[in-house]
C-alpha atoms as a PDB file:
ATOM      1  CA  MET A   1       2.540 -29.043  16.662  1.00  0.00           C
ATOM      2  CA  ILE A   2       1.437 -25.832  18.370  1.00  0.00           C
ATOM      3  CA  GLN A   3      -2.339 -25.539  18.696  1.00  0.00           C
ATOM      4  CA  SER A   4      -4.449 -22.500  19.459  1.00  0.00           C
ATOM      5  CA  ILE A   5      -6.092 -22.354  22.863  1.00  0.00           C
ATOM      6  CA  PHE A   6      -9.380 -21.901  21.002  1.00  0.00           C
ATOM      7  CA  HIS A   7      -8.910 -25.159  19.109  1.00  0.00           C
ATOM      8  CA  LYS A   8      -8.753 -26.967  22.426  1.00  0.00           C
ATOM      9  CA  GLN A   9     -12.186 -25.569  23.315  1.00  0.00           C
ATOM     10  CA  LYS A  10     -13.622 -26.616  19.961  1.00  0.00           C
ATOM     11  CA  VAL A  11     -12.646 -30.297  20.244  1.00  0.00           C
ATOM     12  CA  GLU A  12     -14.421 -30.914  23.550  1.00  0.00           C
ATOM     13  CA  GLY A  13     -17.851 -32.580  23.452  1.00  0.00           C
ATOM     14  CA  PRO A  14     -20.249 -32.617  20.482  1.00  0.00           C
ATOM     15  CA  LEU A  15     -20.152 -30.094  17.666  1.00  0.00           C
ATOM     16  CA  TYR A  16     -21.548 -26.727  18.790  1.00  0.00           C
ATOM     17  CA  ALA A  17     -23.389 -24.462  16.337  1.00  0.00           C
ATOM     18  CA  LEU A  18     -23.949 -20.871  17.459  1.00  0.00           C
ATOM     19  CA  PHE A  19     -26.550 -18.722  15.707  1.00  0.00           C
ATOM     20  CA  LEU A  20     -26.539 -14.977  16.380  1.00  0.00           C
ATOM     21  CA  ASN A  21     -30.019 -13.769  15.461  1.00  0.00           C
ATOM     22  CA  CYS A  22     -29.585 -10.101  14.578  1.00  0.00           C
ATOM     23  CA  THR A  23     -33.296  -9.326  14.319  1.00  0.00           C
ATOM     24  CA  LEU A  24     -34.508  -5.965  15.578  1.00  0.00           C
ATOM     25  CA  LYS A  25     -37.253  -7.712  17.584  1.00  0.00           C
ATOM     26  CA  LYS A  26     -36.910  -8.789  21.206  1.00  0.00           C
ATOM     27  CA  SER A  27     -37.692 -12.348  22.291  1.00  0.00           C
ATOM     28  CA  SER A  28     -41.316 -11.495  23.028  1.00  0.00           C
ATOM     29  CA  GLU A  29     -41.881 -10.974  19.283  1.00  0.00           C
ATOM     30  CA  VAL A  30     -41.935 -13.536  16.480  1.00  0.00           C
ATOM     31  CA  SER A  31     -38.785 -13.469  14.344  1.00  0.00           C
ATOM     32  CA  ASN A  32     -38.827 -14.552  10.698  1.00  0.00           C
ATOM     33  CA  THR A  33     -35.051 -14.756  10.814  1.00  0.00           C
ATOM     34  CA  GLU A  34     -35.225 -17.196  13.715  1.00  0.00           C
ATOM     35  CA  ALA A  35     -37.748 -19.317  11.825  1.00  0.00           C
ATOM     36  CA  LEU A  36     -35.267 -19.725   8.959  1.00  0.00           C
ATOM     37  CA  CYS A  37     -32.526 -20.521  11.487  1.00  0.00           C
ATOM     38  CA  ASN A  38     -34.732 -23.286  12.851  1.00  0.00           C
ATOM     39  CA  LEU A  39     -35.057 -24.824   9.386  1.00  0.00           C
ATOM     40  CA  LEU A  40     -31.270 -24.994   9.163  1.00  0.00           C
ATOM     41  CA  ILE A  41     -31.026 -26.432  12.680  1.00  0.00           C
ATOM     42  CA  GLU A  42     -33.494 -29.155  11.696  1.00  0.00           C
ATOM     43  CA  ARG A  43     -31.238 -30.145   8.798  1.00  0.00           C
ATOM     44  CA  LEU A  44     -28.090 -29.982  10.944  1.00  0.00           C
ATOM     45  CA  LYS A  45     -29.629 -32.353  13.486  1.00  0.00           C
ATOM     46  CA  THR A  46     -30.748 -34.707  10.747  1.00  0.00           C
ATOM     47  CA  HIS A  47     -27.129 -35.241   9.710  1.00  0.00           C
ATOM     48  CA  GLU A  48     -25.521 -34.801  13.147  1.00  0.00           C
ATOM     49  CA  PRO A  49     -28.049 -35.815  15.839  1.00  0.00           C
ATOM     50  CA  ASP A  50     -25.678 -35.034  18.724  1.00  0.00           C
ATOM     51  CA  ILE A  51     -24.909 -31.492  17.579  1.00  0.00           C
ATOM     52  CA  GLU A  52     -25.502 -28.774  20.168  1.00  0.00           C
ATOM     53  CA  THR A  53     -27.253 -25.717  18.752  1.00  0.00           C
ATOM     54  CA  GLU A  54     -28.038 -22.357  20.289  1.00  0.00           C
ATOM     55  CA  ILE A  55     -29.784 -19.256  18.966  1.00  0.00           C
ATOM     56  CA  VAL A  56     -28.786 -16.030  20.712  1.00  0.00           C
ATOM     57  CA  ARG A  57     -31.124 -13.118  20.055  1.00  0.00           C
ATOM     58  CA  VAL A  58     -28.634 -10.284  20.231  1.00  0.00           C
ATOM     59  CA  VAL A  59     -31.124  -7.505  21.081  1.00  0.00           C
ATOM     60  CA  ASP A  60     -31.873  -9.286  24.370  1.00  0.00           C
ATOM     61  CA  TYR A  61     -28.343  -8.364  25.469  1.00  0.00           C
ATOM     62  CA  ASP A  62     -26.931  -4.922  26.215  1.00  0.00           C
ATOM     63  CA  ILE A  63     -24.278  -4.742  23.497  1.00  0.00           C
ATOM     64  CA  LYS A  64     -22.470  -1.418  23.671  1.00  0.00           C
ATOM     65  CA  PRO A  65     -21.101   0.282  20.548  1.00  0.00           C
ATOM     66  CA  GLY A  66     -17.368  -0.052  20.120  1.00  0.00           C
ATOM     67  CA  THR A  67     -14.593  -2.213  18.716  1.00  0.00           C
ATOM     68  CA  SER A  68     -13.123  -3.718  21.891  1.00  0.00           C
ATOM     69  CA  ASN A  69     -13.993  -6.966  23.652  1.00  0.00           C
ATOM     70  CA  ASP A  70     -15.454  -5.230  26.701  1.00  0.00           C
ATOM     71  CA  GLU A  71     -16.797  -1.678  26.633  1.00  0.00           C
ATOM     72  CA  GLY A  72     -17.531  -1.718  30.378  1.00  0.00           C
ATOM     73  CA  ASP A  73     -20.564  -0.157  32.097  1.00  0.00           C
ATOM     74  CA  GLY A  74     -22.790  -3.239  31.848  1.00  0.00           C
ATOM     75  CA  ASP A  75     -21.637  -4.315  28.392  1.00  0.00           C
ATOM     76  CA  GLU A  76     -22.844  -7.892  27.815  1.00  0.00           C
ATOM     77  CA  TRP A  77     -20.808  -8.626  24.704  1.00  0.00           C
ATOM     78  CA  PRO A  78     -18.284 -10.672  26.760  1.00  0.00           C
ATOM     79  CA  LYS A  79     -21.067 -13.211  27.466  1.00  0.00           C
ATOM     80  CA  ILE A  80     -21.583 -13.773  23.745  1.00  0.00           C
ATOM     81  CA  LEU A  81     -17.844 -13.750  23.075  1.00  0.00           C
ATOM     82  CA  GLU A  82     -17.386 -16.750  25.376  1.00  0.00           C
ATOM     83  CA  LYS A  83     -19.836 -18.696  23.208  1.00  0.00           C
ATOM     84  CA  ILE A  84     -18.025 -17.596  20.050  1.00  0.00           C
ATOM     85  CA  LYS A  85     -14.702 -18.882  21.374  1.00  0.00           C
ATOM     86  CA  ARG A  86     -15.911 -22.480  21.540  1.00  0.00           C
ATOM     87  CA  CYS A  87     -18.272 -22.742  18.554  1.00  0.00           C
ATOM     88  CA  ASN A  88     -17.485 -25.127  15.721  1.00  0.00           C
ATOM     89  CA  ILE A  89     -20.139 -23.579  13.502  1.00  0.00           C
ATOM     90  CA  PHE A  90     -20.845 -19.845  13.515  1.00  0.00           C
ATOM     91  CA  VAL A  91     -23.969 -18.504  11.803  1.00  0.00           C
ATOM     92  CA  PRO A  92     -24.843 -14.807  11.884  1.00  0.00           C
ATOM     93  CA  ALA A  93     -28.502 -14.423  10.916  1.00  0.00           C
ATOM     94  CA  MET A  94     -30.041 -11.126   9.918  1.00  0.00           C
ATOM     95  CA  PRO A  95     -33.009  -9.365   8.371  1.00  0.00           C
ATOM     96  CA  ILE A  96     -32.537  -6.949   5.499  1.00  0.00           C
ATOM     97  CA  TRP A  97     -33.306  -3.322   6.343  1.00  0.00           C
ATOM     98  CA  MET A  98     -33.112  -0.620   3.659  1.00  0.00           C
ATOM     99  CA  GLY A  99     -31.270  -3.020   1.377  1.00  0.00           C
ATOM    100  CA  VAL A 100     -28.467  -3.877   3.808  1.00  0.00           C
ATOM    101  CA  ARG A 101     -27.950  -6.026   6.908  1.00  0.00           C
ATOM    102  CA  SER A 102     -29.620  -4.873  10.107  1.00  0.00           C
ATOM    103  CA  SER A 103     -27.888  -2.427  12.435  1.00  0.00           C
ATOM    104  CA  VAL A 104     -27.646  -5.232  15.003  1.00  0.00           C
ATOM    105  CA  ALA A 105     -25.650  -7.363  12.560  1.00  0.00           C
ATOM    106  CA  GLN A 106     -23.386  -4.398  11.819  1.00  0.00           C
ATOM    107  CA  ARG A 107     -22.708  -3.921  15.531  1.00  0.00           C
ATOM    108  CA  ILE A 108     -21.746  -7.595  15.856  1.00  0.00           C
ATOM    109  CA  ILE A 109     -19.202  -7.162  13.082  1.00  0.00           C
ATOM    110  CA  GLU A 110     -17.812  -4.057  14.790  1.00  0.00           C
ATOM    111  CA  ARG A 111     -17.485  -5.839  18.134  1.00  0.00           C
ATOM    112  CA  LEU A 112     -15.843  -8.891  16.538  1.00  0.00           C
ATOM    113  CA  ASP A 113     -13.096  -6.568  15.323  1.00  0.00           C
ATOM    114  CA  GLY A 114     -11.843  -6.572  18.912  1.00  0.00           C
ATOM    115  CA  THR A 115     -10.985 -10.270  18.651  1.00  0.00           C
ATOM    116  CA  THR A 116      -8.165  -9.446  16.235  1.00  0.00           C
ATOM    117  CA  HIS A 117      -6.457  -7.170  18.783  1.00  0.00           C
ATOM    118  CA  THR A 118      -6.663  -8.512  22.329  1.00  0.00           C
ATOM    119  CA  VAL A 119      -8.203 -12.003  22.412  1.00  0.00           C
ATOM    120  CA  MET A 120      -5.658 -13.787  20.241  1.00  0.00           C
ATOM    121  CA  CYS A 121      -4.023 -17.028  21.334  1.00  0.00           C
ATOM    122  CA  GLU A 122      -0.694 -16.071  22.930  1.00  0.00           C
ATOM    123  CA  LYS A 123       1.182 -18.918  21.218  1.00  0.00           C
ATOM    124  CA  THR A 124      -0.249 -18.700  17.705  1.00  0.00           C
ATOM    125  CA  GLY A 125      -1.837 -15.261  17.545  1.00  0.00           C
ATOM    126  CA  GLN A 126      -4.930 -16.902  16.061  1.00  0.00           C
ATOM    127  CA  PHE A 127      -8.326 -15.310  16.670  1.00  0.00           C
ATOM    128  CA  PRO A 128     -11.268 -17.121  18.332  1.00  0.00           C
ATOM    129  CA  LEU A 129     -13.055 -17.785  15.038  1.00  0.00           C
ATOM    130  CA  TYR A 130     -10.098 -19.678  13.589  1.00  0.00           C
ATOM    131  CA  GLY A 131     -11.341 -23.245  13.290  1.00  0.00           C
ATOM    132  CA  SER A 132     -15.012 -22.267  13.036  1.00  0.00           C
ATOM    133  CA  ALA A 133     -17.027 -23.031   9.908  1.00  0.00           C
ATOM    134  CA  CYS A 134     -19.279 -20.132   8.957  1.00  0.00           C
ATOM    135  CA  GLY A 135     -22.661 -19.866   7.294  1.00  0.00           C
ATOM    136  CA  CYS A 136     -25.084 -16.956   6.896  1.00  0.00           C
ATOM    137  CA  VAL A 137     -28.882 -16.674   7.185  1.00  0.00           C
ATOM    138  CA  VAL A 138     -30.770 -13.716   5.679  1.00  0.00           C
ATOM    139  CA  THR A 139     -34.477 -12.860   5.479  1.00  0.00           C
ATOM    140  CA  GLY A 140     -36.353  -9.870   4.115  1.00  0.00           C
ATOM    141  CA  ASN A 141     -38.569  -8.361   1.450  1.00  0.00           C
ATOM    142  CA  GLU A 142     -37.280  -7.039  -1.861  1.00  0.00           C
ATOM    143  CA  ASP A 143     -33.565  -7.289  -2.607  1.00  0.00           C
ATOM    144  CA  GLY A 144     -30.383  -7.202  -0.544  1.00  0.00           C
ATOM    145  CA  SER A 145     -29.628 -10.820   0.364  1.00  0.00           C
ATOM    146  CA  HIS A 146     -26.520 -11.064  -1.811  1.00  0.00           C
ATOM    147  CA  ASP A 147     -25.209  -7.782  -0.437  1.00  0.00           C
ATOM    148  CA  CYS A 148     -25.710  -8.992   3.156  1.00  0.00           C
ATOM    149  CA  VAL A 149     -24.019 -12.328   2.481  1.00  0.00           C
ATOM    150  CA  ALA A 150     -21.107 -10.860   0.514  1.00  0.00           C
ATOM    151  CA  ASN A 151     -20.240  -8.198   3.076  1.00  0.00           C
ATOM    152  CA  THR A 152     -20.752 -10.452   6.086  1.00  0.00           C
ATOM    153  CA  PHE A 153     -18.592 -13.277   4.733  1.00  0.00           C
ATOM    154  CA  ALA A 154     -15.890 -10.815   3.658  1.00  0.00           C
ATOM    155  CA  ASN A 155     -15.832  -9.247   7.131  1.00  0.00           C
ATOM    156  CA  LEU A 156     -15.826 -12.569   8.976  1.00  0.00           C
ATOM    157  CA  LEU A 157     -13.024 -14.017   6.851  1.00  0.00           C
ATOM    158  CA  HIS A 158     -10.913 -11.189   8.238  1.00  0.00           C
ATOM    159  CA  PHE A 159     -11.715 -12.495  11.734  1.00  0.00           C
ATOM    160  CA  GLY A 160     -10.633 -16.059  10.952  1.00  0.00           C
ATOM    161  CA  VAL A 161     -13.717 -18.042   9.924  1.00  0.00           C
ATOM    162  CA  THR A 162     -13.702 -20.734   7.261  1.00  0.00           C
ATOM    163  CA  VAL A 163     -16.535 -20.381   4.741  1.00  0.00           C
ATOM    164  CA  PRO A 164     -17.464 -23.651   3.004  1.00  0.00           C
ATOM    165  CA  PRO A 165     -19.250 -23.514  -0.376  1.00  0.00           C
ATOM    166  CA  ASN A 166     -23.000 -22.989  -0.583  1.00  0.00           C
ATOM    167  CA  THR A 167     -23.508 -21.924   3.034  1.00  0.00           C
ATOM    168  CA  ASP A 168     -25.668 -18.872   2.354  1.00  0.00           C
ATOM    169  CA  LEU A 169     -29.299 -19.544   3.281  1.00  0.00           C
ATOM    170  CA  TYR A 170     -31.733 -16.761   2.453  1.00  0.00           C
ATOM    171  CA  TRP A 171     -35.355 -15.983   1.693  1.00  0.00           C
ATOM    172  CA  VAL A 172     -36.507 -12.774   0.037  1.00  0.00           C
ATOM    173  CA  GLY A 173     -40.165 -11.837  -0.523  1.00  0.00           C
ATOM    174  CA  ASP A 174     -41.882  -9.653  -3.102  1.00  0.00           C
ATOM    175  CA  ALA A 175     -41.041  -6.012  -3.641  1.00  0.00           C
ATOM    176  CA  GLY A 176     -42.874  -3.614  -1.374  1.00  0.00           C
ATOM    177  CA  PRO A 177     -45.044  -4.435   1.655  1.00  0.00           C
ATOM    178  CA  GLY A 178     -46.120  -8.035   1.813  1.00  0.00           C
ATOM    179  CA  ALA A 179     -45.929 -11.349   3.602  1.00  0.00           C
ATOM    180  CA  SER A 180     -42.668 -12.180   5.350  1.00  0.00           C
ATOM    181  CA  TYR A 181     -40.985 -15.582   5.600  1.00  0.00           C
ATOM    182  CA  ILE A 182     -43.397 -17.245   8.057  1.00  0.00           C
ATOM    183  CA  GLU A 183     -46.628 -15.840   6.603  1.00  0.00           C
ATOM    184  CA  ALA A 184     -45.517 -16.623   3.039  1.00  0.00           C
ATOM    185  CA  GLY A 185     -44.618 -20.220   3.906  1.00  0.00           C
ATOM    186  CA  GLY A 186     -40.989 -19.590   3.057  1.00  0.00           C
ATOM    187  CA  GLU A 187     -39.953 -22.948   4.474  1.00  0.00           C
ATOM    188  CA  LEU A 188     -41.864 -24.624   1.615  1.00  0.00           C
ATOM    189  CA  SER A 189     -39.761 -22.967  -1.087  1.00  0.00           C
ATOM    190  CA  PRO A 190     -37.877 -25.698  -2.997  1.00  0.00           C
ATOM    191  CA  TYR A 191     -34.912 -23.345  -3.416  1.00  0.00           C
ATOM    192  CA  VAL A 192     -34.787 -22.492   0.294  1.00  0.00           C
ATOM    193  CA  ARG A 193     -35.044 -26.156   1.283  1.00  0.00           C
ATOM    194  CA  ARG A 194     -32.269 -27.110  -1.120  1.00  0.00           C
ATOM    195  CA  ASN A 195     -30.023 -24.356   0.226  1.00  0.00           C
ATOM    196  CA  ALA A 196     -30.759 -25.394   3.820  1.00  0.00           C
ATOM    197  CA  GLU A 197     -29.628 -28.913   2.949  1.00  0.00           C
ATOM    198  CA  LEU A 198     -26.454 -27.737   1.212  1.00  0.00           C
ATOM    199  CA  THR A 199     -25.651 -25.384   4.070  1.00  0.00           C
ATOM    200  CA  ALA A 200     -26.164 -28.035   6.749  1.00  0.00           C
ATOM    201  CA  GLN A 201     -24.091 -30.736   5.087  1.00  0.00           C
ATOM    202  CA  ASN A 202     -21.224 -28.430   4.128  1.00  0.00           C
ATOM    203  CA  LEU A 203     -21.054 -26.765   7.565  1.00  0.00           C
ATOM    204  CA  ILE A 204     -20.874 -30.139   9.318  1.00  0.00           C
ATOM    205  CA  PHE A 205     -18.245 -31.408   6.884  1.00  0.00           C
ATOM    206  CA  ALA A 206     -16.084 -28.307   7.359  1.00  0.00           C
ATOM    207  CA  ALA A 207     -16.514 -28.256  11.146  1.00  0.00           C
ATOM    208  CA  LYS A 208     -15.320 -31.862  11.433  1.00  0.00           C
ATOM    209  CA  LEU A 209     -12.455 -31.203   9.037  1.00  0.00           C
ATOM    210  CA  LEU A 210     -11.300 -28.228  11.097  1.00  0.00           C
ATOM    211  CA  ARG A 211     -11.523 -30.217  14.329  1.00  0.00           C
ATOM    212  CA  ASP A 212      -9.110 -32.794  12.961  1.00  0.00           C
ATOM    213  CA  ASN A 213      -6.917 -30.347  11.052  1.00  0.00           C
ATOM    214  CA  PRO A 214      -6.327 -27.129  13.019  1.00  0.00           C
ATOM    215  CA  TYR A 215      -4.706 -24.204  11.235  1.00  0.00           C
ATOM    216  CA  GLN A 216      -0.931 -24.042  11.720  1.00  0.00           C
ATOM    217  CA  ILE A 217      -0.448 -20.373  10.876  1.00  0.00           C
ATOM    218  CA  ASN A 218       1.404 -18.362  13.509  1.00  0.00           C
ATOM    219  CA  ILE A 219      -0.067 -14.872  13.253  1.00  0.00           C
ATOM    220  CA  ALA A 220       1.950 -13.622  16.243  1.00  0.00           C
ATOM    221  CA  GLU A 221       5.163 -14.431  14.395  1.00  0.00           C
ATOM    222  CA  GLN A 222       3.960 -12.715  11.234  1.00  0.00           C
ATOM    223  CA  ASN A 223       2.857  -9.660  13.246  1.00  0.00           C
ATOM    224  CA  LYS A 224       6.353  -9.379  14.696  1.00  0.00           C
ATOM    225  CA  ILE A 225       7.884  -9.418  11.213  1.00  0.00           C
ATOM    226  CA  MET A 226       5.335  -6.854  10.046  1.00  0.00           C
ATOM    227  CA  MET A 227       6.219  -4.480  12.893  1.00  0.00           C
ATOM    228  CA  GLU A 228       9.928  -4.779  12.102  1.00  0.00           C
ATOM    229  CA  ARG A 229       9.196  -3.927   8.475  1.00  0.00           C
ATOM    230  CA  ASN A 230       6.999  -1.019   9.581  1.00  0.00           C
ATOM    231  CA  GLN A 231       9.911   0.432  11.538  1.00  0.00           C
ATOM    232  CA  VAL A 232      12.010   0.467   8.368  1.00  0.00           C
ATOM    233  CA  LYS A 233       9.115   1.965   6.425  1.00  0.00           C
ATOM    234  CA  MET A 234       8.522   4.704   9.011  1.00  0.00           C
ATOM    235  CA  ALA A 235      12.215   5.597   9.134  1.00  0.00           C
ATOM    236  CA  ALA A 236      12.289   5.903   5.340  1.00  0.00           C
ATOM    237  CA  MET A 237       9.121   8.007   5.319  1.00  0.00           C
ATOM    238  CA  LYS A 238      10.544  10.304   7.991  1.00  0.00           C
ATOM    239  CA  GLN A 239      13.654  10.884   5.912  1.00  0.00           C
ATOM    240  CA  ALA A 240      11.586  11.443   2.752  1.00  0.00           C
ATOM    241  CA  VAL A 241       9.305  13.990   4.447  1.00  0.00           C
ATOM    242  CA  GLN A 242      12.292  15.843   5.903  1.00  0.00           C
ATOM    243  CA  TYR A 243      13.980  15.954   2.475  1.00  0.00           C
ATOM    244  CA  MET A 244      10.811  17.320   0.852  1.00  0.00           C
ATOM    245  CA  ARG A 245      10.451  20.010   3.505  1.00  0.00           C
ATOM    246  CA  GLU A 246      14.004  21.122   2.940  1.00  0.00           C
ATOM    247  CA  ASN A 247      14.034  20.963  -0.868  1.00  0.00           C
ATOM    248  CA  MET A 248      10.478  21.374  -2.175  1.00  0.00           C
ATOM    249  CA  PRO A 249      10.217  24.580  -4.278  1.00  0.00           C
ATOM    250  CA  SER A 250       7.722  27.087  -2.913  1.00  0.00           C
END
């Protein structure tokens, strides 16, 4: 059985849950998104006391725009990417801005696109997030939580994550200016607490399942077949275009 090099990193030591806090605030400022992450971490540790958890506040790093794994010139994305490679549980966390996920969360998605091009396992072609269970944390006022969750999960599935059921944890306040998660006592919401519990239990279950049952798909092999088919397609298109140029009525 051929295993991805990333699977080997994920089976060492206790389960590791990585939270990427995509707030717009630096570490010197209080983050409502981080407060909701901490509620989830509390529930994770209740069910898996040995779990290792880490919250990375992305704005504290110099993350360059781009879609590669290293944009050079002081780019600090590679530091975060090393954490992503070994995480069993991956949780992007974000505030809602103008009805959609924060610009920081969008940049993370753009940078993760690089993992599907140059950081694959040489043997299997699998991406680093293969074998990682994924949840999502969202905070904000008014609406937008479902949009953030839907788009983020859809994007991350493309990068190899496994999304268990009921792993979207969000809190949304009243329309217009008003109290945010911490000030409003969001952690006391029965719905939020229930969702934190569902998210924690399902993420741990999936992470353990993936540890013991790594994906067998060989993406490198399928990419090779795809390229061979593309050659046939391109040759046919070239002939078709040439025929049209020679025979299309003016």
